[in-house]
Amino acid sequence: MTAPETAAMALQDHAALWSARHIGASEVVDCACDALIAGLDTPGLRILAACTRAEADYDVHDLLPAALDELGLVFHPAGSRAGQEAAARALARRMLAGTLTPAEFAFRIHQRFGHDLLLTARLAELDDEYAILEDGDTTVEQVDAEVTAEARRLARHPLIGAAPTDAPS
């Protein structure tokens, strides 16, 4: 994958995580700066990258959708099922990159979506399993392996233009 493609994926993930309130606006601005350095360049991306930390909380809301659109990326509105699924997939990629442990990943998914989002229902169940490990025959390593397999499943899904799913794929 080329640097611009990687930067586009990162920006798409940051947008999903910001829209789902997993990260702050300044992280989106930082990612926009990284995208410019990687070779992506549109007027909207330049304006987004130029935001100061003080401006980010106020301006990202208006600037991000246009910047994504110029790049052919998708902005998912806060609270939408597509946005929730995109955020879950972005968190899965973070876990696979080593930013989150399997237990942290399962906990965040469970905390944010509970058992209600069908795409991540198994992860919520696995988070419950972490809590009862001492009462059963399952080990942390076994649950970690299952969480990692779920993260890989989520991360394989297409990033751009993805429609929401009703069941795990």
Protein backbone atom coordinates (compact mmCIF):
# COMPACT_ATOMS: atom_id res chain seq x y z
CA MET A 1 0.00 0.00 0.00
CA THR A 2 1.33 3.45 -0.90
CA ALA A 3 1.85 6.25 1.62
CA PRO A 4 -1.16 8.22 0.29
CA GLU A 5 -3.39 5.11 0.51
CA THR A 6 -2.24 4.46 4.06
CA ALA A 7 -2.85 8.11 4.93
CA ALA A 8 -6.36 7.95 3.43
CA MET A 9 -7.14 4.86 5.51
CA ALA A 10 -5.84 6.59 8.63
CA LEU A 11 -7.91 9.71 7.92
CA GLN A 12 -11.02 7.59 7.33
CA ASP A 13 -10.43 5.79 10.63
CA HIS A 14 -9.81 9.04 12.51
CA ALA A 15 -13.02 10.50 11.09
CA ALA A 16 -14.99 7.45 12.24
CA LEU A 17 -13.42 7.52 15.69
CA TRP A 18 -14.00 11.27 16.05
CA SER A 19 -17.62 11.00 14.91
CA ALA A 20 -18.17 8.24 17.46
CA ARG A 21 -16.46 10.38 20.14
CA HIS A 22 -13.56 7.98 20.67
CA ILE A 23 -10.93 10.63 19.90
CA GLY A 24 -10.69 14.40 20.02
CA ALA A 25 -10.78 16.87 17.15
CA SER A 26 -7.09 17.72 17.51
CA GLU A 27 -6.20 14.11 16.63
CA VAL A 28 -8.16 14.50 13.38
CA VAL A 29 -6.22 17.68 12.59
CA ASP A 30 -2.93 15.89 13.33
CA CYS A 31 -3.97 13.08 10.98
CA ALA A 32 -4.86 15.63 8.28
CA CYS A 33 -1.34 17.07 8.62
CA ASP A 34 0.12 13.57 8.27
CA ALA A 35 -2.05 13.00 5.19
CA LEU A 36 -0.66 16.15 3.55
CA ILE A 37 2.88 15.02 4.30
CA ALA A 38 2.07 11.60 2.80
CA GLY A 39 1.01 13.19 -0.48
CA LEU A 40 -2.75 13.70 -0.21
CA ASP A 41 -3.65 17.24 -1.16
CA THR A 42 -7.01 18.91 -1.57
CA PRO A 43 -8.18 22.39 -0.58
CA GLY A 44 -10.39 21.02 2.19
CA LEU A 45 -7.61 18.86 3.60
CA ARG A 46 -5.27 21.86 3.68
CA ILE A 47 -7.86 23.94 5.56
CA LEU A 48 -8.49 21.09 8.02
CA ALA A 49 -4.76 20.60 8.61
CA ALA A 50 -4.33 24.33 9.23
CA CYS A 51 -6.63 24.32 12.27
CA THR A 52 -5.00 25.12 15.56
CA ARG A 53 -5.76 22.98 18.60
CA ALA A 54 -7.99 25.77 19.89
CA GLU A 55 -9.93 25.92 16.61
CA ALA A 56 -10.18 22.15 16.14
CA ASP A 57 -13.03 21.56 18.59
CA TYR A 58 -15.13 24.19 16.81
CA ASP A 59 -14.10 23.77 13.17
CA VAL A 60 -13.57 20.04 12.58
CA HIS A 61 -17.32 19.48 12.62
CA ASP A 62 -17.72 21.69 9.53
CA LEU A 63 -14.41 21.00 7.78
CA LEU A 64 -14.05 17.22 8.05
CA PRO A 65 -17.03 16.13 5.88
CA ALA A 66 -15.91 18.34 2.99
CA ALA A 67 -12.27 17.23 3.25
CA LEU A 68 -13.30 13.57 3.21
CA ASP A 69 -15.64 14.13 0.28
CA GLU A 70 -12.85 15.73 -1.77
CA LEU A 71 -10.75 12.62 -1.15
CA GLY A 72 -13.56 10.20 -2.02
CA LEU A 73 -13.83 9.10 1.61
CA VAL A 74 -17.01 8.68 3.63
CA PHE A 75 -18.16 10.72 6.62
CA HIS A 76 -20.52 8.80 8.89
CA PRO A 77 -22.79 10.99 11.02
CA ALA A 78 -22.55 10.56 14.78
CA GLY A 79 -24.87 7.87 16.07
CA SER A 80 -25.43 6.18 12.71
CA ARG A 81 -25.06 2.42 12.50
CA ALA A 82 -22.56 2.85 9.66
CA GLY A 83 -20.58 5.22 11.87
CA GLN A 84 -20.63 2.79 14.79
CA GLU A 85 -19.44 -0.02 12.55
CA ALA A 86 -16.71 2.16 11.03
CA ALA A 87 -15.53 3.12 14.53
CA ALA A 88 -15.48 -0.54 15.61
CA ARG A 89 -13.42 -1.44 12.53
CA ALA A 90 -11.03 1.45 13.21
CA LEU A 91 -10.58 0.26 16.80
CA ALA A 92 -9.91 -3.25 15.47
CA ARG A 93 -7.14 -1.91 13.24
CA ARG A 94 -5.68 -0.05 16.22
CA MET A 95 -5.66 -3.24 18.24
CA LEU A 96 -3.98 -5.16 15.43
CA ALA A 97 -1.38 -2.38 15.16
CA GLY A 98 -0.59 -2.82 18.86
CA THR A 99 -2.14 0.42 20.12
CA LEU A 100 -4.67 -1.51 22.24
CA THR A 101 -4.41 -4.85 23.98
CA PRO A 102 -7.08 -7.43 23.16
CA ALA A 103 -8.68 -6.87 26.58
CA GLU A 104 -8.71 -3.07 26.12
CA PHE A 105 -10.21 -3.46 22.66
CA ALA A 106 -12.98 -5.79 23.86
CA PHE A 107 -13.68 -3.50 26.83
CA ARG A 108 -13.97 -0.38 24.63
CA ILE A 109 -16.28 -2.14 22.18
CA HIS A 110 -18.43 -3.49 25.01
CA GLN A 111 -18.49 -0.14 26.82
CA ARG A 112 -19.45 1.82 23.69
CA PHE A 113 -21.84 -0.58 21.95
CA GLY A 114 -22.85 -3.12 24.59
CA HIS A 115 -24.38 -6.24 23.09
CA ASP A 116 -26.64 -4.20 20.77
CA LEU A 117 -24.41 -3.81 17.69
CA LEU A 118 -24.62 -7.18 15.93
CA LEU A 119 -21.28 -6.66 14.22
CA THR A 120 -19.48 -6.55 17.58
CA ALA A 121 -21.74 -8.67 19.78
CA ARG A 122 -19.14 -11.45 20.04
CA LEU A 123 -16.58 -8.94 21.32
CA ALA A 124 -18.97 -7.86 24.06
CA GLU A 125 -19.35 -11.52 25.04
CA LEU A 126 -15.57 -11.92 25.08
CA ASP A 127 -15.24 -8.87 27.33
CA ASP A 128 -17.63 -10.61 29.71
CA GLU A 129 -15.39 -13.69 29.56
CA TYR A 130 -12.39 -11.67 30.73
CA ALA A 131 -14.35 -10.83 33.88
CA ILE A 132 -15.06 -14.47 34.74
CA LEU A 133 -11.75 -16.11 33.78
CA GLU A 134 -10.95 -17.32 37.29
CA ASP A 135 -14.29 -19.15 37.46
CA GLY A 136 -13.72 -21.31 34.37
CA ASP A 137 -11.25 -23.33 32.35
CA THR A 138 -10.58 -20.61 29.78
CA THR A 139 -7.24 -18.75 29.89
CA VAL A 140 -6.45 -15.12 29.14
CA GLU A 141 -4.46 -16.30 26.13
CA GLN A 142 -7.48 -18.15 24.73
CA VAL A 143 -9.75 -15.12 25.09
CA ASP A 144 -7.01 -12.87 23.64
CA ALA A 145 -6.79 -15.20 20.62
CA GLU A 146 -10.55 -15.03 20.07
CA VAL A 147 -10.57 -11.23 20.40
CA THR A 148 -7.68 -11.02 17.92
CA ALA A 149 -9.56 -13.23 15.47
CA GLU A 150 -12.60 -10.95 15.79
CA ALA A 151 -10.39 -7.88 15.23
CA ARG A 152 -8.97 -9.46 12.07
CA ARG A 153 -12.49 -10.19 10.84
CA LEU A 154 -13.53 -6.58 11.40
CA ALA A 155 -10.35 -5.13 9.88
CA ARG A 156 -10.78 -7.13 6.66
CA HIS A 157 -13.97 -5.27 5.80
CA PRO A 158 -13.66 -2.58 3.12
CA LEU A 159 -13.04 0.90 4.49
CA ILE A 160 -14.51 3.21 1.92
CA GLY A 161 -18.17 3.23 0.98
CA ALA A 162 -18.92 0.35 3.31
CA ALA A 163 -22.57 -0.27 3.96
CA PRO A 164 -23.67 -1.24 7.46
CA THR A 165 -24.17 -4.91 8.15
CA ASP A 166 -26.82 -6.58 10.25
CA ALA A 167 -24.85 -9.71 11.06
CA PRO A 168 -21.18 -10.59 11.44
CA SER A 169 -19.53 -11.47 8.17
